[in-house]
Structures are given as C-alpha cells and as structure tokens.
Amino acid sequence: MNSAWTRWLFALLGAALIVIILGISVHIASEKRLEGRRSTGLDHRAYPVYSQADVTISQLG
C-alpha cells in the first residue's frame, strides 16, 4: 500500500484540506471586517443607493 499513487492521493487530499481551511478562515475574516465596517458606518452597502433616475422622478412627483 506504499505505492506512488497512494502518496499522490494523500498529497492531493492534504492540499485540498489546506485550501478549504484557508478559504473558510478568509471568508470568516472578511465577514468580521464587513461587520465592523457596518457598525462604524463605513460600509456603503448598509445604506440605500439611489440612482439619478430615482432622484429625478422624486423631484417631478
């Protein structure tokens, strides 16, 4: 059971596990960063964005 393909298999599984763990940690870090921005009011997605057409229609109405 110590052939080359088993070593490749375990190497690929280990690399995939490392990539998954790094991806999850980066995702959690970005979520916490966005949460911190939202609480300080620096996140533009926390506020509604109006286009120029919306402003013009509201002025006409």
N, C-alpha and C. Protein backbone atom coordinates (compact mmCIF):
# COMPACT_ATOMS: atom_id res chain seq x y z
N MET A 1 0.84 -1.21 0.00
CA MET A 1 0.00 0.00 0.00
C MET A 1 0.87 1.25 0.00
N ASN A 2 2.15 1.10 -0.23
CA ASN A 2 3.05 2.24 -0.21
C ASN A 2 3.48 2.60 -1.62
N SER A 3 2.54 2.55 -2.55
CA SER A 3 2.89 2.85 -3.93
C SER A 3 2.81 4.35 -4.19
N ALA A 4 3.21 4.72 -5.38
CA ALA A 4 3.29 6.15 -5.71
C ALA A 4 1.91 6.79 -5.75
N TRP A 5 0.92 6.06 -6.24
CA TRP A 5 -0.40 6.69 -6.38
C TRP A 5 -1.04 6.97 -5.04
N THR A 6 -0.75 6.16 -4.03
CA THR A 6 -1.32 6.47 -2.71
C THR A 6 -0.66 7.71 -2.11
N ARG A 7 0.63 7.88 -2.37
CA ARG A 7 1.29 9.10 -1.88
C ARG A 7 0.72 10.33 -2.57
N TRP A 8 0.48 10.22 -3.89
CA TRP A 8 -0.12 11.34 -4.63
C TRP A 8 -1.53 11.62 -4.10
N LEU A 9 -2.26 10.56 -3.83
CA LEU A 9 -3.63 10.72 -3.33
C LEU A 9 -3.64 11.46 -2.00
N PHE A 10 -2.78 11.03 -1.08
CA PHE A 10 -2.73 11.70 0.22
C PHE A 10 -2.21 13.13 0.11
N ALA A 11 -1.28 13.36 -0.82
CA ALA A 11 -0.78 14.72 -1.02
C ALA A 11 -1.89 15.62 -1.55
N LEU A 12 -2.67 15.12 -2.50
CA LEU A 12 -3.78 15.91 -3.04
C LEU A 12 -4.85 16.16 -1.98
N LEU A 13 -5.16 15.14 -1.19
CA LEU A 13 -6.15 15.32 -0.12
C LEU A 13 -5.67 16.33 0.91
N GLY A 14 -4.40 16.27 1.26
CA GLY A 14 -3.85 17.23 2.21
C GLY A 14 -3.88 18.64 1.67
N ALA A 15 -3.53 18.80 0.39
CA ALA A 15 -3.55 20.13 -0.22
C ALA A 15 -4.98 20.66 -0.29
N ALA A 16 -5.94 19.79 -0.63
CA ALA A 16 -7.34 20.23 -0.69
C ALA A 16 -7.83 20.65 0.69
N LEU A 17 -7.43 19.91 1.71
CA LEU A 17 -7.84 20.26 3.07
C LEU A 17 -7.27 21.61 3.49
N ILE A 18 -6.02 21.86 3.15
CA ILE A 18 -5.40 23.14 3.48
C ILE A 18 -6.11 24.28 2.76
N VAL A 19 -6.44 24.07 1.48
CA VAL A 19 -7.13 25.12 0.71
C VAL A 19 -8.51 25.40 1.30
N ILE A 20 -9.22 24.35 1.70
CA ILE A 20 -10.55 24.54 2.30
C ILE A 20 -10.46 25.30 3.61
N ILE A 21 -9.49 24.93 4.45
CA ILE A 21 -9.34 25.62 5.75
C ILE A 21 -8.97 27.08 5.54
N LEU A 22 -8.06 27.35 4.60
CA LEU A 22 -7.69 28.74 4.32
C LEU A 22 -8.88 29.53 3.77
N GLY A 23 -9.65 28.91 2.89
CA GLY A 23 -10.82 29.59 2.33
C GLY A 23 -11.84 29.94 3.39
N ILE A 24 -12.08 29.02 4.30
CA ILE A 24 -13.05 29.28 5.37
C ILE A 24 -12.55 30.40 6.29
N SER A 25 -11.26 30.37 6.61
CA SER A 25 -10.75 31.41 7.52
C SER A 25 -10.76 32.78 6.86
N VAL A 26 -10.45 32.84 5.56
CA VAL A 26 -10.52 34.13 4.85
C VAL A 26 -11.95 34.62 4.78
N HIS A 27 -12.90 33.71 4.56
CA HIS A 27 -14.31 34.10 4.49
C HIS A 27 -14.78 34.65 5.84
N ILE A 28 -14.40 33.99 6.92
CA ILE A 28 -14.79 34.46 8.26
C ILE A 28 -14.16 35.82 8.54
N ALA A 29 -12.90 35.99 8.15
CA ALA A 29 -12.22 37.26 8.39
C ALA A 29 -12.88 38.39 7.61
N SER A 30 -13.29 38.13 6.36
CA SER A 30 -13.93 39.19 5.58
C SER A 30 -15.31 39.51 6.14
N GLU A 31 -16.03 38.50 6.63
CA GLU A 31 -17.32 38.77 7.25
C GLU A 31 -17.17 39.64 8.49
N LYS A 32 -16.16 39.35 9.30
CA LYS A 32 -15.95 40.15 10.51
C LYS A 32 -15.55 41.57 10.15
N ARG A 33 -14.77 41.71 9.07
CA ARG A 33 -14.35 43.05 8.65
C ARG A 33 -15.56 43.84 8.16
N LEU A 34 -16.44 43.20 7.40
CA LEU A 34 -17.65 43.89 6.94
C LEU A 34 -18.56 44.23 8.11
N GLU A 35 -18.63 43.34 9.09
CA GLU A 35 -19.46 43.61 10.26
C GLU A 35 -18.93 44.81 11.03
N GLY A 36 -17.63 44.91 11.15
CA GLY A 36 -17.03 46.05 11.82
C GLY A 36 -17.27 47.34 11.06
N ARG A 37 -17.20 47.26 9.74
CA ARG A 37 -17.48 48.46 8.94
C ARG A 37 -18.93 48.89 9.08
N ARG A 38 -19.84 47.90 9.10
CA ARG A 38 -21.25 48.23 9.21
C ARG A 38 -21.54 48.94 10.52
N SER A 39 -20.89 48.50 11.59
CA SER A 39 -21.17 49.10 12.89
C SER A 39 -20.59 50.51 12.98
N THR A 40 -19.52 50.79 12.23
CA THR A 40 -18.95 52.14 12.26
C THR A 40 -19.52 53.03 11.16
N GLY A 41 -20.35 52.45 10.28
CA GLY A 41 -20.97 53.25 9.23
C GLY A 41 -20.11 53.46 8.01
N LEU A 42 -19.06 52.66 7.85
CA LEU A 42 -18.19 52.84 6.69
C LEU A 42 -18.59 51.96 5.51
N ASP A 43 -19.53 51.06 5.70
CA ASP A 43 -19.92 50.15 4.63
C ASP A 43 -21.01 50.80 3.80
N HIS A 44 -20.75 50.99 2.52
CA HIS A 44 -21.74 51.66 1.67
C HIS A 44 -22.95 50.78 1.42
N ARG A 45 -22.83 49.47 1.63
CA ARG A 45 -23.97 48.59 1.38
C ARG A 45 -25.00 48.66 2.51
N ALA A 46 -24.67 49.30 3.60
CA ALA A 46 -25.62 49.41 4.70
C ALA A 46 -26.65 50.51 4.44
N TYR A 47 -26.41 51.34 3.45
CA TYR A 47 -27.30 52.45 3.15
C TYR A 47 -27.90 52.27 1.76
N PRO A 48 -29.13 52.73 1.54
CA PRO A 48 -29.72 52.60 0.21
C PRO A 48 -28.99 53.49 -0.80
N VAL A 49 -28.86 52.98 -2.01
CA VAL A 49 -28.19 53.73 -3.07
C VAL A 49 -29.26 54.16 -4.07
N TYR A 50 -29.35 55.45 -4.32
CA TYR A 50 -30.33 55.98 -5.26
C TYR A 50 -29.64 56.34 -6.56
N SER A 51 -30.28 55.99 -7.66
CA SER A 51 -29.73 56.37 -8.95
C SER A 51 -30.23 57.77 -9.31
N GLN A 52 -29.68 58.32 -10.37
CA GLN A 52 -30.09 59.66 -10.81
C GLN A 52 -31.55 59.66 -11.25
N ALA A 53 -32.01 58.55 -11.84
CA ALA A 53 -33.41 58.47 -12.28
C ALA A 53 -34.35 58.54 -11.08
N ASP A 54 -34.01 57.87 -9.99
CA ASP A 54 -34.85 57.92 -8.80
C ASP A 54 -34.95 59.34 -8.25
N VAL A 55 -33.85 60.05 -8.25
CA VAL A 55 -33.85 61.42 -7.74
C VAL A 55 -34.70 62.31 -8.63
N THR A 56 -34.56 62.15 -9.96
CA THR A 56 -35.34 62.97 -10.90
C THR A 56 -36.83 62.69 -10.77
N ILE A 57 -37.21 61.43 -10.66
CA ILE A 57 -38.62 61.08 -10.53
C ILE A 57 -39.19 61.64 -9.23
N SER A 58 -38.42 61.59 -8.16
CA SER A 58 -38.94 62.11 -6.90
C SER A 58 -39.07 63.63 -6.95
N GLN A 59 -38.23 64.30 -7.73
CA GLN A 59 -38.35 65.75 -7.86
C GLN A 59 -39.57 66.12 -8.70
N LEU A 60 -39.88 65.29 -9.71
CA LEU A 60 -41.03 65.57 -10.57
C LEU A 60 -42.34 65.30 -9.84
N GLY A 61 -42.34 64.31 -8.98
CA GLY A 61 -43.58 63.88 -8.33
C GLY A 61 -43.98 64.84 -7.26
